[in-house]
Amino acid sequence: WSDRGLFLLSAAVSLAGATTLEQPREVTVGEGNAVTIQCSMKDDHMMNFIMFWYRQGPRGALEWICTGNHAYGEGFKDHFKASLEESKNIYT
């Protein structure tokens, strides 16, 4: 299992219109070290959406990491922990 890759986030669009997601363009960390990736939302509340985390490999293929904070892709549950911090409207 390799933890290298670019992490992407996608969100469903509400019926009221599009929302703006903010997250760092990239995060660099040494191999074997923990990293926290955050995504915040303007103009709406994270709890109104189902969040999906993906990893993009070097050849461009997307791998599903998790949905919300309860469903994880194969091989990811022991390596990732997703959570929603409602008071700050941030998903990590």
PDB file of N, CA and C in Angstrom:
ATOM      1  N   TRP A   1       0.843  -1.170   0.000  1.00  0.00           N
ATOM      2  CA  TRP A   1       0.000   0.000   0.000  1.00  0.00           C
ATOM      3  C   TRP A   1       0.880   1.221   0.000  1.00  0.00           C
ATOM      4  N   SER A   2       0.648   2.142  -0.872  1.00  0.00           N
ATOM      5  CA  SER A   2       1.442   3.368  -0.966  1.00  0.00           C
ATOM      6  C   SER A   2       0.572   4.556  -0.628  1.00  0.00           C
ATOM      7  N   ASP A   3       1.121   5.482   0.150  1.00  0.00           N
ATOM      8  CA  ASP A   3       0.349   6.664   0.524  1.00  0.00           C
ATOM      9  C   ASP A   3       0.734   7.882  -0.308  1.00  0.00           C
ATOM     10  N   ARG A   4       1.367   7.665  -1.431  1.00  0.00           N
ATOM     11  CA  ARG A   4       1.728   8.775  -2.301  1.00  0.00           C
ATOM     12  C   ARG A   4       0.562   9.106  -3.214  1.00  0.00           C
ATOM     13  N   GLY A   5       0.383  10.380  -3.484  1.00  0.00           N
ATOM     14  CA  GLY A   5      -0.658  10.767  -4.419  1.00  0.00           C
ATOM     15  C   GLY A   5      -1.213  12.133  -4.104  1.00  0.00           C
ATOM     16  N   LEU A   6      -1.958  12.639  -5.009  1.00  0.00           N
ATOM     17  CA  LEU A   6      -2.619  13.917  -4.861  1.00  0.00           C
ATOM     18  C   LEU A   6      -4.019  13.646  -4.350  1.00  0.00           C
ATOM     19  N   PHE A   7      -4.433  14.372  -3.333  1.00  0.00           N
ATOM     20  CA  PHE A   7      -5.755  14.156  -2.761  1.00  0.00           C
ATOM     21  C   PHE A   7      -6.708  15.225  -3.264  1.00  0.00           C
ATOM     22  N   LEU A   8      -7.859  14.783  -3.668  1.00  0.00           N
ATOM     23  CA  LEU A   8      -8.877  15.673  -4.203  1.00  0.00           C
ATOM     24  C   LEU A   8     -10.144  15.544  -3.381  1.00  0.00           C
ATOM     25  N   LEU A   9     -10.951  16.562  -3.424  1.00  0.00           N
ATOM     26  CA  LEU A   9     -12.222  16.522  -2.733  1.00  0.00           C
ATOM     27  C   LEU A   9     -13.299  16.961  -3.697  1.00  0.00           C
ATOM     28  N   SER A  10     -14.429  16.282  -3.665  1.00  0.00           N
ATOM     29  CA  SER A  10     -15.566  16.739  -4.451  1.00  0.00           C
ATOM     30  C   SER A  10     -16.782  16.778  -3.553  1.00  0.00           C
ATOM     31  N   ALA A  11     -17.724  17.615  -3.898  1.00  0.00           N
ATOM     32  CA  ALA A  11     -18.935  17.734  -3.095  1.00  0.00           C
ATOM     33  C   ALA A  11     -20.138  17.822  -4.012  1.00  0.00           C
ATOM     34  N   ALA A  12     -21.252  17.370  -3.517  1.00  0.00           N
ATOM     35  CA  ALA A  12     -22.491  17.512  -4.273  1.00  0.00           C
ATOM     36  C   ALA A  12     -22.884  18.986  -4.305  1.00  0.00           C
ATOM     37  N   VAL A  13     -23.549  19.399  -5.350  1.00  0.00           N
ATOM     38  CA  VAL A  13     -24.013  20.780  -5.453  1.00  0.00           C
ATOM     39  C   VAL A  13     -25.440  20.835  -4.935  1.00  0.00           C
ATOM     40  N   SER A  14     -25.706  21.816  -4.111  1.00  0.00           N
ATOM     41  CA  SER A  14     -27.047  21.935  -3.541  1.00  0.00           C
ATOM     42  C   SER A  14     -28.026  22.398  -4.614  1.00  0.00           C
ATOM     43  N   LEU A  15     -29.294  22.178  -4.377  1.00  0.00           N
ATOM     44  CA  LEU A  15     -30.322  22.610  -5.322  1.00  0.00           C
ATOM     45  C   LEU A  15     -30.393  24.124  -5.414  1.00  0.00           C
ATOM     46  N   ALA A  16     -29.932  24.809  -4.370  1.00  0.00           N
ATOM     47  CA  ALA A  16     -29.976  26.267  -4.357  1.00  0.00           C
ATOM     48  C   ALA A  16     -28.879  26.879  -5.228  1.00  0.00           C
ATOM     49  N   GLY A  17     -27.883  26.115  -5.599  1.00  0.00           N
ATOM     50  CA  GLY A  17     -26.810  26.639  -6.435  1.00  0.00           C
ATOM     51  C   GLY A  17     -25.459  26.112  -6.008  1.00  0.00           C
ATOM     52  N   ALA A  18     -24.446  26.563  -6.704  1.00  0.00           N
ATOM     53  CA  ALA A  18     -23.086  26.097  -6.440  1.00  0.00           C
ATOM     54  C   ALA A  18     -22.528  26.726  -5.169  1.00  0.00           C
ATOM     55  N   THR A  19     -21.622  26.017  -4.541  1.00  0.00           N
ATOM     56  CA  THR A  19     -20.928  26.523  -3.365  1.00  0.00           C
ATOM     57  C   THR A  19     -19.441  26.589  -3.684  1.00  0.00           C
ATOM     58  N   THR A  20     -18.707  27.283  -2.841  1.00  0.00           N
ATOM     59  CA  THR A  20     -17.273  27.425  -3.034  1.00  0.00           C
ATOM     60  C   THR A  20     -16.530  26.604  -2.002  1.00  0.00           C
ATOM     61  N   LEU A  21     -15.690  25.692  -2.467  1.00  0.00           N
ATOM     62  CA  LEU A  21     -14.839  24.904  -1.582  1.00  0.00           C
ATOM     63  C   LEU A  21     -13.450  25.510  -1.583  1.00  0.00           C
ATOM     64  N   GLU A  22     -12.831  25.549  -0.400  1.00  0.00           N
ATOM     65  CA  GLU A  22     -11.469  26.053  -0.292  1.00  0.00           C
ATOM     66  C   GLU A  22     -10.603  24.990   0.344  1.00  0.00           C
ATOM     67  N   GLN A  23      -9.473  24.705  -0.285  1.00  0.00           N
ATOM     68  CA  GLN A  23      -8.518  23.761   0.265  1.00  0.00           C
ATOM     69  C   GLN A  23      -7.149  24.100  -0.306  1.00  0.00           C
ATOM     70  N   PRO A  24      -6.082  23.699   0.387  1.00  0.00           N
ATOM     71  CA  PRO A  24      -4.741  23.980  -0.135  1.00  0.00           C
ATOM     72  C   PRO A  24      -4.539  23.312  -1.491  1.00  0.00           C
ATOM     73  N   ARG A  25      -3.809  23.978  -2.354  1.00  0.00           N
ATOM     74  CA  ARG A  25      -3.516  23.403  -3.674  1.00  0.00           C
ATOM     75  C   ARG A  25      -2.677  22.148  -3.529  1.00  0.00           C
ATOM     76  N   GLU A  26      -1.743  22.165  -2.603  1.00  0.00           N
ATOM     77  CA  GLU A  26      -0.936  20.977  -2.349  1.00  0.00           C
ATOM     78  C   GLU A  26      -0.438  20.997  -0.915  1.00  0.00           C
ATOM     79  N   VAL A  27      -0.152  19.821  -0.420  1.00  0.00           N
ATOM     80  CA  VAL A  27       0.409  19.643   0.917  1.00  0.00           C
ATOM     81  C   VAL A  27       1.563  18.663   0.767  1.00  0.00           C
ATOM     82  N   THR A  28       2.727  19.044   1.275  1.00  0.00           N
ATOM     83  CA  THR A  28       3.897  18.177   1.181  1.00  0.00           C
ATOM     84  C   THR A  28       4.259  17.682   2.569  1.00  0.00           C
ATOM     85  N   VAL A  29       4.526  16.404   2.668  1.00  0.00           N
ATOM     86  CA  VAL A  29       4.901  15.804   3.949  1.00  0.00           C
ATOM     87  C   VAL A  29       5.878  14.669   3.667  1.00  0.00           C
ATOM     88  N   GLY A  30       6.788  14.452   4.593  1.00  0.00           N
ATOM     89  CA  GLY A  30       7.750  13.368   4.435  1.00  0.00           C
ATOM     90  C   GLY A  30       7.079  12.011   4.547  1.00  0.00           C
ATOM     91  N   GLU A  31       7.632  11.030   3.850  1.00  0.00           N
ATOM     92  CA  GLU A  31       7.078   9.682   3.869  1.00  0.00           C
ATOM     93  C   GLU A  31       7.038   9.147   5.298  1.00  0.00           C
ATOM     94  N   GLY A  32       5.908   8.572   5.666  1.00  0.00           N
ATOM     95  CA  GLY A  32       5.722   8.002   6.999  1.00  0.00           C
ATOM     96  C   GLY A  32       5.179   8.980   8.022  1.00  0.00           C
ATOM     97  N   ASN A  33       5.097  10.271   7.673  1.00  0.00           N
ATOM     98  CA  ASN A  33       4.572  11.277   8.595  1.00  0.00           C
ATOM     99  C   ASN A  33       3.080  11.490   8.369  1.00  0.00           C
ATOM    100  N   ALA A  34       2.393  11.881   9.426  1.00  0.00           N
ATOM    101  CA  ALA A  34       0.954  12.157   9.336  1.00  0.00           C
ATOM    102  C   ALA A  34       0.734  13.527   8.696  1.00  0.00           C
ATOM    103  N   VAL A  35      -0.395  13.668   8.032  1.00  0.00           N
ATOM    104  CA  VAL A  35      -0.758  14.941   7.424  1.00  0.00           C
ATOM    105  C   VAL A  35      -2.258  15.147   7.590  1.00  0.00           C
ATOM    106  N   THR A  36      -2.661  16.396   7.762  1.00  0.00           N
ATOM    107  CA  THR A  36      -4.077  16.743   7.827  1.00  0.00           C
ATOM    108  C   THR A  36      -4.407  17.596   6.612  1.00  0.00           C
ATOM    109  N   ILE A  37      -5.405  17.184   5.874  1.00  0.00           N
ATOM    110  CA  ILE A  37      -5.863  17.930   4.709  1.00  0.00           C
ATOM    111  C   ILE A  37      -7.243  18.470   5.044  1.00  0.00           C
ATOM    112  N   GLN A  38      -7.413  19.784   4.895  1.00  0.00           N
ATOM    113  CA  GLN A  38      -8.680  20.412   5.251  1.00  0.00           C
ATOM    114  C   GLN A  38      -9.367  20.996   4.029  1.00  0.00           C
ATOM    115  N   CYS A  39     -10.673  21.051   4.121  1.00  0.00           N
ATOM    116  CA  CYS A  39     -11.487  21.685   3.098  1.00  0.00           C
ATOM    117  C   CYS A  39     -12.569  22.477   3.815  1.00  0.00           C
ATOM    118  N   SER A  40     -12.714  23.746   3.457  1.00  0.00           N
ATOM    119  CA  SER A  40     -13.762  24.565   4.060  1.00  0.00           C
ATOM    120  C   SER A  40     -14.721  25.023   2.968  1.00  0.00           C
ATOM    121  N   MET A  41     -15.870  25.508   3.391  1.00  0.00           N
ATOM    122  CA  MET A  41     -16.921  25.875   2.454  1.00  0.00           C
ATOM    123  C   MET A  41     -17.439  27.269   2.781  1.00  0.00           C
ATOM    124  N   LYS A  42     -17.648  28.061   1.742  1.00  0.00           N
ATOM    125  CA  LYS A  42     -18.266  29.374   1.904  1.00  0.00           C
ATOM    126  C   LYS A  42     -19.709  29.286   1.418  1.00  0.00           C
ATOM    127  N   ASP A  43     -20.542  30.115   1.949  1.00  0.00           N
ATOM    128  CA  ASP A  43     -21.922  30.268   1.482  1.00  0.00           C
ATOM    129  C   ASP A  43     -22.845  29.095   1.782  1.00  0.00           C
ATOM    130  N   ASP A  44     -22.390  28.123   2.563  1.00  0.00           N
ATOM    131  CA  ASP A  44     -23.249  26.996   2.929  1.00  0.00           C
ATOM    132  C   ASP A  44     -22.599  26.260   4.084  1.00  0.00           C
ATOM    133  N   HIS A  45     -23.232  25.195   4.546  1.00  0.00           N
ATOM    134  CA  HIS A  45     -22.723  24.422   5.672  1.00  0.00           C
ATOM    135  C   HIS A  45     -22.333  23.028   5.211  1.00  0.00           C
ATOM    136  N   MET A  46     -21.149  22.594   5.630  1.00  0.00           N
ATOM    137  CA  MET A  46     -20.649  21.273   5.253  1.00  0.00           C
ATOM    138  C   MET A  46     -21.630  20.162   5.598  1.00  0.00           C
ATOM    139  N   MET A  47     -22.352  20.313   6.705  1.00  0.00           N
ATOM    140  CA  MET A  47     -23.250  19.238   7.126  1.00  0.00           C
ATOM    141  C   MET A  47     -24.419  19.052   6.159  1.00  0.00           C
ATOM    142  N   ASN A  48     -24.617  19.977   5.229  1.00  0.00           N
ATOM    143  CA  ASN A  48     -25.670  19.844   4.223  1.00  0.00           C
ATOM    144  C   ASN A  48     -25.236  19.023   3.011  1.00  0.00           C
ATOM    145  N   PHE A  49     -24.001  18.561   3.012  1.00  0.00           N
ATOM    146  CA  PHE A  49     -23.437  17.871   1.859  1.00  0.00           C
ATOM    147  C   PHE A  49     -22.860  16.524   2.259  1.00  0.00           C
ATOM    148  N   ILE A  50     -22.758  15.649   1.297  1.00  0.00           N
ATOM    149  CA  ILE A  50     -22.020  14.397   1.465  1.00  0.00           C
ATOM    150  C   ILE A  50     -20.672  14.622   0.797  1.00  0.00           C
ATOM    151  N   MET A  51     -19.608  14.470   1.557  1.00  0.00           N
ATOM    152  CA  MET A  51     -18.272  14.749   1.051  1.00  0.00           C
ATOM    153  C   MET A  51     -17.583  13.461   0.600  1.00  0.00           C
ATOM    154  N   PHE A  52     -16.826  13.562  -0.463  1.00  0.00           N
ATOM    155  CA  PHE A  52     -16.086  12.435  -1.025  1.00  0.00           C
ATOM    156  C   PHE A  52     -14.610  12.816  -1.129  1.00  0.00           C
ATOM    157  N   TRP A  53     -13.730  11.968  -0.595  1.00  0.00           N
ATOM    158  CA  TRP A  53     -12.288  12.166  -0.738  1.00  0.00           C
ATOM    159  C   TRP A  53     -11.767  11.135  -1.739  1.00  0.00           C
ATOM    160  N   TYR A  54     -10.898  11.593  -2.629  1.00  0.00           N
ATOM    161  CA  TYR A  54     -10.276  10.728  -3.631  1.00  0.00           C
ATOM    162  C   TYR A  54      -8.771  10.958  -3.644  1.00  0.00           C
ATOM    163  N   ARG A  55      -8.049   9.963  -4.117  1.00  0.00           N
ATOM    164  CA  ARG A  55      -6.618  10.109  -4.361  1.00  0.00           C
ATOM    165  C   ARG A  55      -6.389   9.931  -5.847  1.00  0.00           C
ATOM    166  N   GLN A  56      -5.565  10.820  -6.418  1.00  0.00           N
ATOM    167  CA  GLN A  56      -5.225  10.700  -7.829  1.00  0.00           C
ATOM    168  C   GLN A  56      -3.797  10.193  -7.935  1.00  0.00           C
ATOM    169  N   GLY A  57      -3.641   9.072  -8.597  1.00  0.00           N
ATOM    170  CA  GLY A  57      -2.333   8.470  -8.766  1.00  0.00           C
ATOM    171  C   GLY A  57      -1.526   9.150  -9.854  1.00  0.00           C
ATOM    172  N   PRO A  58      -0.280   8.740 -10.023  1.00  0.00           N
ATOM    173  CA  PRO A  58       0.603   9.373 -11.009  1.00  0.00           C
ATOM    174  C   PRO A  58       0.114   9.252 -12.451  1.00  0.00           C
ATOM    175  N   ARG A  59      -0.691   8.254 -12.741  1.00  0.00           N
ATOM    176  CA  ARG A  59      -1.225   8.086 -14.105  1.00  0.00           C
ATOM    177  C   ARG A  59      -2.598   8.736 -14.272  1.00  0.00           C
ATOM    178  N   GLY A  60      -3.078   9.411 -13.235  1.00  0.00           N
ATOM    179  CA  GLY A  60      -4.333  10.138 -13.326  1.00  0.00           C
ATOM    180  C   GLY A  60      -5.562   9.388 -12.861  1.00  0.00           C
ATOM    181  N   ALA A  61      -5.432   8.109 -12.543  1.00  0.00           N
ATOM    182  CA  ALA A  61      -6.594   7.330 -12.093  1.00  0.00           C
ATOM    183  C   ALA A  61      -7.009   7.774 -10.690  1.00  0.00           C
ATOM    184  N   LEU A  62      -8.310   7.890 -10.472  1.00  0.00           N
ATOM    185  CA  LEU A  62      -8.831   8.271  -9.162  1.00  0.00           C
ATOM    186  C   LEU A  62      -9.144   7.035  -8.337  1.00  0.00           C
ATOM    187  N   GLU A  63      -8.779   7.084  -7.067  1.00  0.00           N
ATOM    188  CA  GLU A  63      -9.117   6.024  -6.118  1.00  0.00           C
ATOM    189  C   GLU A  63      -9.993   6.636  -5.036  1.00  0.00           C
ATOM    190  N   TRP A  64     -11.102   5.990  -4.740  1.00  0.00           N
ATOM    191  CA  TRP A  64     -12.013   6.461  -3.709  1.00  0.00           C
ATOM    192  C   TRP A  64     -11.423   6.163  -2.338  1.00  0.00           C
ATOM    193  N   ILE A  65     -11.276   7.209  -1.510  1.00  0.00           N
ATOM    194  CA  ILE A  65     -10.762   7.049  -0.148  1.00  0.00           C
ATOM    195  C   ILE A  65     -11.912   6.867   0.825  1.00  0.00           C
ATOM    196  N   CYS A  66     -12.857   7.827   0.821  1.00  0.00           N
ATOM    197  CA  CYS A  66     -13.983   7.697   1.745  1.00  0.00           C
ATOM    198  C   CYS A  66     -15.129   8.611   1.353  1.00  0.00           C
ATOM    199  N   THR A  67     -16.290   8.310   1.907  1.00  0.00           N
ATOM    200  CA  THR A  67     -17.485   9.130   1.780  1.00  0.00           C
ATOM    201  C   THR A  67     -17.911   9.499   3.185  1.00  0.00           C
ATOM    202  N   GLY A  68     -18.103  10.800   3.420  1.00  0.00           N
ATOM    203  CA  GLY A  68     -18.433  11.236   4.774  1.00  0.00           C
ATOM    204  C   GLY A  68     -17.340  10.819   5.732  1.00  0.00           C
ATOM    205  N   ASN A  69     -17.730  10.364   6.900  1.00  0.00           N
ATOM    206  CA  ASN A  69     -16.732   9.892   7.861  1.00  0.00           C
ATOM    207  C   ASN A  69     -17.011   8.456   8.283  1.00  0.00           C
ATOM    208  N   HIS A  70     -17.712   7.708   7.422  1.00  0.00           N
ATOM    209  CA  HIS A  70     -18.104   6.360   7.830  1.00  0.00           C
ATOM    210  C   HIS A  70     -17.831   5.265   6.797  1.00  0.00           C
ATOM    211  N   ALA A  71     -17.729   5.596   5.530  1.00  0.00           N
ATOM    212  CA  ALA A  71     -17.524   4.572   4.501  1.00  0.00           C
ATOM    213  C   ALA A  71     -16.172   4.801   3.832  1.00  0.00           C
ATOM    214  N   TYR A  72     -15.320   3.775   3.880  1.00  0.00           N
ATOM    215  CA  TYR A  72     -13.964   3.895   3.349  1.00  0.00           C
ATOM    216  C   TYR A  72     -13.736   2.899   2.223  1.00  0.00           C
ATOM    217  N   GLY A  73     -12.914   3.307   1.264  1.00  0.00           N
ATOM    218  CA  GLY A  73     -12.523   2.418   0.188  1.00  0.00           C
ATOM    219  C   GLY A  73     -11.573   1.344   0.693  1.00  0.00           C
ATOM    220  N   GLU A  74     -11.440   0.295  -0.087  1.00  0.00           N
ATOM    221  CA  GLU A  74     -10.601  -0.834   0.295  1.00  0.00           C
ATOM    222  C   GLU A  74      -9.159  -0.383   0.549  1.00  0.00           C
ATOM    223  N   GLY A  75      -8.647  -0.736   1.728  1.00  0.00           N
ATOM    224  CA  GLY A  75      -7.273  -0.422   2.087  1.00  0.00           C
ATOM    225  C   GLY A  75      -7.054   0.954   2.683  1.00  0.00           C
ATOM    226  N   PHE A  76      -8.102   1.766   2.796  1.00  0.00           N
ATOM    227  CA  PHE A  76      -7.933   3.126   3.297  1.00  0.00           C
ATOM    228  C   PHE A  76      -8.352   3.315   4.755  1.00  0.00           C
ATOM    229  N   LYS A  77      -9.221   2.472   5.278  1.00  0.00           N
ATOM    230  CA  LYS A  77      -9.775   2.690   6.618  1.00  0.00           C
ATOM    231  C   LYS A  77      -8.699   2.761   7.704  1.00  0.00           C
ATOM    232  N   ASP A  78      -7.656   1.979   7.576  1.00  0.00           N
ATOM    233  CA  ASP A  78      -6.598   1.974   8.589  1.00  0.00           C
ATOM    234  C   ASP A  78      -5.607   3.119   8.426  1.00  0.00           C
ATOM    235  N   HIS A  79      -5.722   3.881   7.341  1.00  0.00           N
ATOM    236  CA  HIS A  79      -4.749   4.931   7.063  1.00  0.00           C
ATOM    237  C   HIS A  79      -5.337   6.336   7.051  1.00  0.00           C
ATOM    238  N   PHE A  80      -6.657   6.461   7.031  1.00  0.00           N
ATOM    239  CA  PHE A  80      -7.303   7.760   6.933  1.00  0.00           C
ATOM    240  C   PHE A  80      -8.427   7.873   7.953  1.00  0.00           C
ATOM    241  N   LYS A  81      -8.622   9.088   8.447  1.00  0.00           N
ATOM    242  CA  LYS A  81      -9.743   9.359   9.344  1.00  0.00           C
ATOM    243  C   LYS A  81     -10.382  10.670   8.895  1.00  0.00           C
ATOM    244  N   ALA A  82     -11.589  10.596   8.385  1.00  0.00           N
ATOM    245  CA  ALA A  82     -12.311  11.783   7.942  1.00  0.00           C
ATOM    246  C   ALA A  82     -13.198  12.281   9.074  1.00  0.00           C
ATOM    247  N   SER A  83     -13.311  13.606   9.176  1.00  0.00           N
ATOM    248  CA  SER A  83     -14.180  14.169  10.210  1.00  0.00           C
ATOM    249  C   SER A  83     -14.692  15.534   9.776  1.00  0.00           C
ATOM    250  N   LEU A  84     -15.814  15.919  10.349  1.00  0.00           N
ATOM    251  CA  LEU A  84     -16.436  17.214  10.096  1.00  0.00           C
ATOM    252  C   LEU A  84     -16.406  18.013  11.386  1.00  0.00           C
ATOM    253  N   GLU A  85     -15.814  19.192  11.333  1.00  0.00           N
ATOM    254  CA  GLU A  85     -15.798  20.105  12.475  1.00  0.00           C
ATOM    255  C   GLU A  85     -16.859  21.163  12.200  1.00  0.00           C
ATOM    256  N   GLU A  86     -18.091  20.882  12.643  1.00  0.00           N
ATOM    257  CA  GLU A  86     -19.234  21.732  12.307  1.00  0.00           C
ATOM    258  C   GLU A  86     -19.061  23.173  12.755  1.00  0.00           C
ATOM    259  N   SER A  87     -18.495  23.401  13.934  1.00  0.00           N
ATOM    260  CA  SER A  87     -18.368  24.763  14.461  1.00  0.00           C
ATOM    261  C   SER A  87     -17.471  25.641  13.588  1.00  0.00           C
ATOM    262  N   LYS A  88     -16.528  25.027  12.865  1.00  0.00           N
ATOM    263  CA  LYS A  88     -15.625  25.779  11.987  1.00  0.00           C
ATOM    264  C   LYS A  88     -15.953  25.582  10.512  1.00  0.00           C
ATOM    265  N   ASN A  89     -16.940  24.739  10.226  1.00  0.00           N
ATOM    266  CA  ASN A  89     -17.352  24.441   8.856  1.00  0.00           C
ATOM    267  C   ASN A  89     -16.178  23.921   8.026  1.00  0.00           C
ATOM    268  N   ILE A  90     -15.412  23.006   8.637  1.00  0.00           N
ATOM    269  CA  ILE A  90     -14.222  22.441   8.005  1.00  0.00           C
ATOM    270  C   ILE A  90     -14.318  20.923   7.995  1.00  0.00           C
ATOM    271  N   TYR A  91     -13.982  20.344   6.876  1.00  0.00           N
ATOM    272  CA  TYR A  91     -13.903  18.894   6.742  1.00  0.00           C
ATOM    273  C   TYR A  91     -12.432  18.520   6.661  1.00  0.00           C
ATOM    274  N   THR A  92     -12.028  17.525   7.461  1.00  0.00           N
ATOM    275  CA  THR A  92     -10.628  17.074   7.418  1.00  0.00           C
ATOM    276  C   THR A  92     -10.583  15.594   7.141  1.00  0.00           C
TER     277      THR A  92
END
